[in-house]
N, C-alpha and C. Protein backbone atom coordinates (compact mmCIF):
# COMPACT_ATOMS: atom_id res chain seq x y z
N MET A 1 101.02 108.93 74.15
CA MET A 1 100.70 109.96 75.13
C MET A 1 100.77 111.32 74.43
N SER A 2 99.73 112.14 74.59
CA SER A 2 99.70 113.44 73.93
C SER A 2 100.61 114.44 74.64
N GLU A 3 100.86 115.55 73.98
CA GLU A 3 101.71 116.61 74.53
C GLU A 3 101.14 117.09 75.88
N ILE A 4 99.83 117.24 75.96
CA ILE A 4 99.20 117.71 77.20
C ILE A 4 99.39 116.68 78.30
N GLN A 5 99.18 115.41 78.02
CA GLN A 5 99.32 114.38 79.05
C GLN A 5 100.73 114.31 79.59
N LYS A 6 101.71 114.58 78.77
CA LYS A 6 103.10 114.55 79.22
C LYS A 6 103.39 115.70 80.17
N THR A 7 102.78 116.86 79.92
CA THR A 7 103.14 118.07 80.67
C THR A 7 102.14 118.45 81.74
N LYS A 8 101.00 117.78 81.82
CA LYS A 8 99.96 118.22 82.73
C LYS A 8 100.32 117.97 84.19
N VAL A 9 101.42 117.29 84.43
CA VAL A 9 101.81 116.90 85.77
C VAL A 9 101.66 118.00 86.81
N TYR A 10 102.52 119.00 86.80
CA TYR A 10 102.54 119.92 87.94
C TYR A 10 102.49 121.40 87.59
N ASP A 11 103.04 121.80 86.47
CA ASP A 11 103.18 123.22 86.17
C ASP A 11 101.92 123.76 85.49
N LEU A 12 101.07 124.39 86.26
CA LEU A 12 99.79 124.87 85.73
C LEU A 12 99.97 126.04 84.76
N GLU A 13 100.99 126.87 84.97
CA GLU A 13 101.25 127.94 84.00
C GLU A 13 101.59 127.34 82.65
N GLU A 14 102.43 126.33 82.63
CA GLU A 14 102.81 125.68 81.38
C GLU A 14 101.61 124.96 80.77
N ARG A 15 100.82 124.32 81.60
CA ARG A 15 99.65 123.59 81.10
C ARG A 15 98.65 124.53 80.46
N THR A 16 98.40 125.68 81.06
CA THR A 16 97.45 126.63 80.47
C THR A 16 98.02 127.24 79.19
N TYR A 17 99.34 127.44 79.17
CA TYR A 17 99.99 127.92 77.95
C TYR A 17 99.81 126.90 76.81
N LEU A 18 100.08 125.64 77.11
CA LEU A 18 99.96 124.59 76.09
C LEU A 18 98.51 124.44 75.62
N PHE A 19 97.56 124.63 76.53
CA PHE A 19 96.15 124.60 76.13
C PHE A 19 95.87 125.69 75.11
N ALA A 20 96.28 126.91 75.40
CA ALA A 20 96.04 128.03 74.48
C ALA A 20 96.77 127.80 73.15
N LYS A 21 97.97 127.27 73.21
CA LYS A 21 98.74 127.00 72.00
C LYS A 21 98.06 125.91 71.16
N ARG A 22 97.61 124.85 71.80
CA ARG A 22 96.92 123.77 71.08
C ARG A 22 95.62 124.28 70.46
N VAL A 23 94.91 125.15 71.17
CA VAL A 23 93.68 125.74 70.62
C VAL A 23 94.01 126.50 69.35
N ARG A 24 95.06 127.30 69.38
CA ARG A 24 95.43 128.09 68.20
C ARG A 24 95.82 127.18 67.03
N ASP A 25 96.57 126.13 67.32
CA ASP A 25 96.94 125.18 66.26
C ASP A 25 95.68 124.50 65.69
N PHE A 26 94.75 124.15 66.56
CA PHE A 26 93.50 123.51 66.14
C PHE A 26 92.67 124.45 65.27
N VAL A 27 92.54 125.69 65.68
CA VAL A 27 91.72 126.67 64.96
C VAL A 27 92.23 126.86 63.53
N ARG A 28 93.53 126.76 63.35
CA ARG A 28 94.11 126.92 62.01
C ARG A 28 93.68 125.80 61.06
N LYS A 29 93.21 124.67 61.61
CA LYS A 29 92.86 123.50 60.79
C LYS A 29 91.37 123.36 60.50
N ILE A 30 90.53 124.09 61.21
CA ILE A 30 89.08 123.87 61.07
C ILE A 30 88.51 124.57 59.83
N PRO A 31 87.36 124.10 59.35
CA PRO A 31 86.71 124.75 58.20
C PRO A 31 86.41 126.23 58.50
N LYS A 32 86.62 127.06 57.50
CA LYS A 32 86.44 128.50 57.67
C LYS A 32 85.08 128.94 57.11
N ASP A 33 84.02 128.67 57.88
CA ASP A 33 82.72 129.23 57.51
C ASP A 33 82.41 130.36 58.48
N VAL A 34 81.34 131.09 58.22
CA VAL A 34 81.03 132.28 59.01
C VAL A 34 80.93 131.97 60.50
N ALA A 35 80.21 130.92 60.86
CA ALA A 35 80.02 130.59 62.27
C ALA A 35 81.34 130.16 62.91
N ASN A 36 82.08 129.30 62.24
CA ASN A 36 83.35 128.84 62.81
C ASN A 36 84.34 129.98 63.01
N ILE A 37 84.37 130.91 62.07
CA ILE A 37 85.30 132.04 62.19
C ILE A 37 84.97 132.86 63.44
N GLU A 38 83.70 133.16 63.63
CA GLU A 38 83.29 133.96 64.80
C GLU A 38 83.49 133.18 66.11
N ASP A 39 83.11 131.91 66.12
CA ASP A 39 83.27 131.10 67.33
C ASP A 39 84.75 130.89 67.64
N ALA A 40 85.56 130.71 66.60
CA ALA A 40 87.00 130.50 66.80
C ALA A 40 87.66 131.75 67.40
N LYS A 41 87.21 132.93 66.98
CA LYS A 41 87.75 134.17 67.56
C LYS A 41 87.51 134.20 69.06
N GLN A 42 86.29 133.85 69.45
CA GLN A 42 85.95 133.83 70.87
C GLN A 42 86.76 132.77 71.61
N LEU A 43 86.92 131.62 70.99
CA LEU A 43 87.68 130.52 71.58
C LEU A 43 89.14 130.92 71.81
N VAL A 44 89.74 131.54 70.82
CA VAL A 44 91.14 131.96 70.94
C VAL A 44 91.29 132.94 72.11
N LYS A 45 90.38 133.90 72.22
CA LYS A 45 90.45 134.87 73.32
C LYS A 45 90.29 134.19 74.67
N ALA A 46 89.28 133.35 74.80
CA ALA A 46 89.01 132.69 76.09
C ALA A 46 90.15 131.76 76.48
N SER A 47 90.66 130.99 75.54
CA SER A 47 91.72 130.03 75.87
C SER A 47 92.99 130.73 76.33
N GLY A 48 93.30 131.87 75.75
CA GLY A 48 94.47 132.64 76.18
C GLY A 48 94.27 133.28 77.53
N SER A 49 93.03 133.66 77.82
CA SER A 49 92.73 134.30 79.10
C SER A 49 92.84 133.35 80.29
N VAL A 50 92.67 132.06 80.05
CA VAL A 50 92.80 131.08 81.14
C VAL A 50 94.17 131.24 81.79
N GLY A 51 95.21 131.12 80.99
CA GLY A 51 96.57 131.20 81.51
C GLY A 51 96.99 132.59 81.92
N ALA A 52 96.56 133.58 81.16
CA ALA A 52 96.93 134.96 81.49
C ALA A 52 96.41 135.34 82.88
N ASN A 53 95.19 134.95 83.18
CA ASN A 53 94.64 135.27 84.50
C ASN A 53 95.27 134.43 85.60
N TYR A 54 95.69 133.21 85.27
CA TYR A 54 96.38 132.40 86.26
C TYR A 54 97.74 133.03 86.60
N ILE A 55 98.45 133.54 85.59
CA ILE A 55 99.71 134.24 85.84
C ILE A 55 99.45 135.46 86.72
N GLU A 56 98.38 136.20 86.42
CA GLU A 56 98.01 137.36 87.25
C GLU A 56 97.71 136.93 88.68
N ALA A 57 97.04 135.80 88.84
CA ALA A 57 96.72 135.30 90.19
C ALA A 57 98.01 135.03 90.97
N ASN A 58 99.00 134.49 90.30
CA ASN A 58 100.27 134.19 90.97
C ASN A 58 101.04 135.44 91.36
N GLU A 59 100.67 136.55 90.77
CA GLU A 59 101.31 137.84 91.11
C GLU A 59 100.37 138.71 91.95
N ALA A 60 99.30 138.14 92.43
CA ALA A 60 98.28 138.91 93.15
C ALA A 60 98.86 139.60 94.38
N LEU A 61 98.31 140.78 94.66
CA LEU A 61 98.75 141.57 95.80
C LEU A 61 98.00 141.23 97.07
N SER A 62 96.88 140.53 96.91
CA SER A 62 96.08 140.16 98.09
C SER A 62 95.39 138.83 97.82
N LYS A 63 94.89 138.24 98.88
CA LYS A 63 94.15 136.99 98.73
C LYS A 63 92.88 137.22 97.92
N LYS A 64 92.23 138.36 98.14
CA LYS A 64 91.00 138.69 97.40
C LYS A 64 91.29 138.78 95.90
N ASP A 65 92.41 139.42 95.55
CA ASP A 65 92.81 139.54 94.15
C ASP A 65 93.11 138.15 93.57
N PHE A 66 93.82 137.30 94.34
CA PHE A 66 94.13 135.95 93.90
C PHE A 66 92.85 135.17 93.60
N VAL A 67 91.90 135.21 94.53
CA VAL A 67 90.64 134.47 94.36
C VAL A 67 89.90 134.98 93.12
N MET A 68 89.86 136.29 92.93
CA MET A 68 89.16 136.85 91.77
C MET A 68 89.79 136.36 90.46
N ARG A 69 91.12 136.36 90.38
CA ARG A 69 91.81 135.92 89.15
C ARG A 69 91.60 134.43 88.89
N ILE A 70 91.58 133.63 89.94
CA ILE A 70 91.33 132.20 89.79
C ILE A 70 89.90 131.98 89.28
N LYS A 71 88.95 132.77 89.81
CA LYS A 71 87.57 132.67 89.33
C LYS A 71 87.49 133.02 87.85
N ILE A 72 88.24 134.03 87.43
CA ILE A 72 88.24 134.42 86.02
C ILE A 72 88.86 133.30 85.17
N SER A 73 89.94 132.69 85.66
CA SER A 73 90.56 131.57 84.92
C SER A 73 89.56 130.44 84.75
N ARG A 74 88.83 130.13 85.81
CA ARG A 74 87.82 129.06 85.74
C ARG A 74 86.72 129.43 84.74
N LYS A 75 86.28 130.68 84.80
CA LYS A 75 85.24 131.16 83.88
C LYS A 75 85.70 131.08 82.42
N GLU A 76 86.94 131.45 82.17
CA GLU A 76 87.47 131.43 80.80
C GLU A 76 87.65 129.99 80.31
N ALA A 77 88.00 129.07 81.20
CA ALA A 77 88.10 127.65 80.81
C ALA A 77 86.71 127.14 80.43
N LYS A 78 85.71 127.53 81.22
CA LYS A 78 84.33 127.12 80.94
C LYS A 78 83.87 127.71 79.60
N GLU A 79 84.21 128.96 79.37
CA GLU A 79 83.85 129.61 78.11
C GLU A 79 84.56 128.95 76.93
N SER A 80 85.82 128.57 77.12
CA SER A 80 86.57 127.86 76.06
C SER A 80 85.85 126.58 75.69
N ARG A 81 85.40 125.86 76.69
CA ARG A 81 84.68 124.60 76.44
C ARG A 81 83.40 124.88 75.64
N TYR A 82 82.71 125.94 75.97
CA TYR A 82 81.48 126.32 75.27
C TYR A 82 81.77 126.57 73.79
N TRP A 83 82.79 127.38 73.49
CA TRP A 83 83.10 127.71 72.10
C TRP A 83 83.58 126.48 71.34
N LEU A 84 84.33 125.61 72.01
CA LEU A 84 84.76 124.36 71.37
C LEU A 84 83.56 123.51 70.97
N ARG A 85 82.55 123.47 71.83
CA ARG A 85 81.35 122.67 71.54
C ARG A 85 80.56 123.23 70.37
N LEU A 86 80.62 124.54 70.15
CA LEU A 86 79.85 125.17 69.06
C LEU A 86 80.47 124.99 67.68
N LEU A 87 81.75 124.73 67.62
CA LEU A 87 82.41 124.62 66.32
C LEU A 87 81.86 123.46 65.50
N HIS A 88 81.75 123.69 64.20
CA HIS A 88 81.32 122.64 63.27
C HIS A 88 82.56 121.96 62.73
N ILE A 89 82.72 120.67 63.09
CA ILE A 89 83.91 119.92 62.69
C ILE A 89 83.46 118.65 61.95
N PRO A 90 83.51 118.65 60.61
CA PRO A 90 83.04 117.49 59.85
C PRO A 90 84.06 116.33 59.80
N ASN A 91 85.30 116.60 60.10
CA ASN A 91 86.39 115.63 59.98
C ASN A 91 86.54 114.85 61.28
N THR A 92 86.59 113.54 61.21
CA THR A 92 86.67 112.68 62.40
C THR A 92 87.94 112.94 63.21
N GLU A 93 89.06 113.09 62.53
CA GLU A 93 90.33 113.35 63.24
C GLU A 93 90.28 114.68 63.97
N LEU A 94 89.76 115.71 63.33
CA LEU A 94 89.63 117.01 63.98
C LEU A 94 88.61 116.97 65.11
N GLU A 95 87.57 116.17 64.95
CA GLU A 95 86.57 116.04 66.01
C GLU A 95 87.20 115.41 67.25
N LEU A 96 88.08 114.46 67.06
CA LEU A 96 88.79 113.84 68.18
C LEU A 96 89.65 114.88 68.90
N GLU A 97 90.34 115.70 68.12
CA GLU A 97 91.16 116.77 68.70
C GLU A 97 90.28 117.77 69.45
N ARG A 98 89.12 118.10 68.88
CA ARG A 98 88.19 119.03 69.55
C ARG A 98 87.77 118.46 70.90
N LYS A 99 87.45 117.18 70.92
CA LYS A 99 87.02 116.53 72.18
C LYS A 99 88.14 116.52 73.21
N GLU A 100 89.38 116.30 72.77
CA GLU A 100 90.53 116.35 73.69
C GLU A 100 90.67 117.74 74.30
N LEU A 101 90.51 118.76 73.47
CA LEU A 101 90.59 120.14 73.96
C LEU A 101 89.44 120.45 74.92
N GLU A 102 88.26 119.95 74.58
CA GLU A 102 87.10 120.14 75.46
C GLU A 102 87.35 119.47 76.81
N ASN A 103 87.92 118.28 76.80
CA ASN A 103 88.25 117.58 78.04
C ASN A 103 89.30 118.34 78.84
N GLU A 104 90.28 118.90 78.16
CA GLU A 104 91.30 119.68 78.86
C GLU A 104 90.69 120.93 79.48
N ALA A 105 89.79 121.59 78.77
CA ALA A 105 89.10 122.76 79.33
C ALA A 105 88.33 122.37 80.59
N THR A 106 87.68 121.22 80.55
CA THR A 106 86.93 120.72 81.72
C THR A 106 87.88 120.44 82.88
N GLU A 107 89.00 119.80 82.60
CA GLU A 107 89.97 119.53 83.66
C GLU A 107 90.50 120.82 84.26
N LEU A 108 90.79 121.81 83.42
CA LEU A 108 91.26 123.10 83.93
C LEU A 108 90.20 123.76 84.81
N MET A 109 88.95 123.69 84.39
CA MET A 109 87.84 124.22 85.22
C MET A 109 87.86 123.55 86.59
N ASN A 110 88.01 122.25 86.60
CA ASN A 110 88.00 121.50 87.85
C ASN A 110 89.19 121.85 88.73
N ILE A 111 90.36 122.03 88.12
CA ILE A 111 91.55 122.41 88.88
C ILE A 111 91.35 123.79 89.51
N PHE A 112 90.86 124.74 88.73
CA PHE A 112 90.65 126.08 89.28
C PHE A 112 89.56 126.07 90.35
N GLY A 113 88.54 125.24 90.16
CA GLY A 113 87.50 125.10 91.17
C GLY A 113 88.08 124.56 92.47
N SER A 114 88.97 123.60 92.39
CA SER A 114 89.64 123.05 93.56
C SER A 114 90.50 124.10 94.27
N ILE A 115 91.24 124.86 93.47
CA ILE A 115 92.07 125.95 94.05
C ILE A 115 91.17 126.93 94.77
N LEU A 116 90.02 127.25 94.19
CA LEU A 116 89.10 128.20 94.83
C LEU A 116 88.58 127.66 96.16
N ARG A 117 88.17 126.40 96.18
CA ARG A 117 87.66 125.81 97.42
C ARG A 117 88.70 125.83 98.53
N LYS A 118 89.96 125.64 98.17
CA LYS A 118 91.04 125.63 99.16
C LYS A 118 91.44 127.05 99.58
N SER A 119 91.10 128.04 98.75
CA SER A 119 91.53 129.42 99.00
C SER A 119 90.50 130.26 99.74
N GLU A 120 89.23 129.88 99.64
CA GLU A 120 88.19 130.73 100.21
C GLU A 120 87.88 130.35 101.64
């Protein structure tokens, strides 16, 4: 069982933190060519924004603010998935890790989408 599977249970703040942390660990291992460097920069920013905006949503002053922050978290998860898909990963083991991260980004998108449907 992976680190994410063990912790994905209930704490979404922790789960988004672990996602961003795993992305950073992954980025340190990928080939450093021009495209990967630029895509990885975008990926690191987007993956961190998922959790940062979720924390902001939990501190929201109004329902409108909460909904907006959740929408941003969902958008950043979707963007993270996009950047993960663009990376060039020639190594099979790293490709498996990339796919796991892509799946986690998709799950986070779905979770935030569910929160939005229940909030609006």
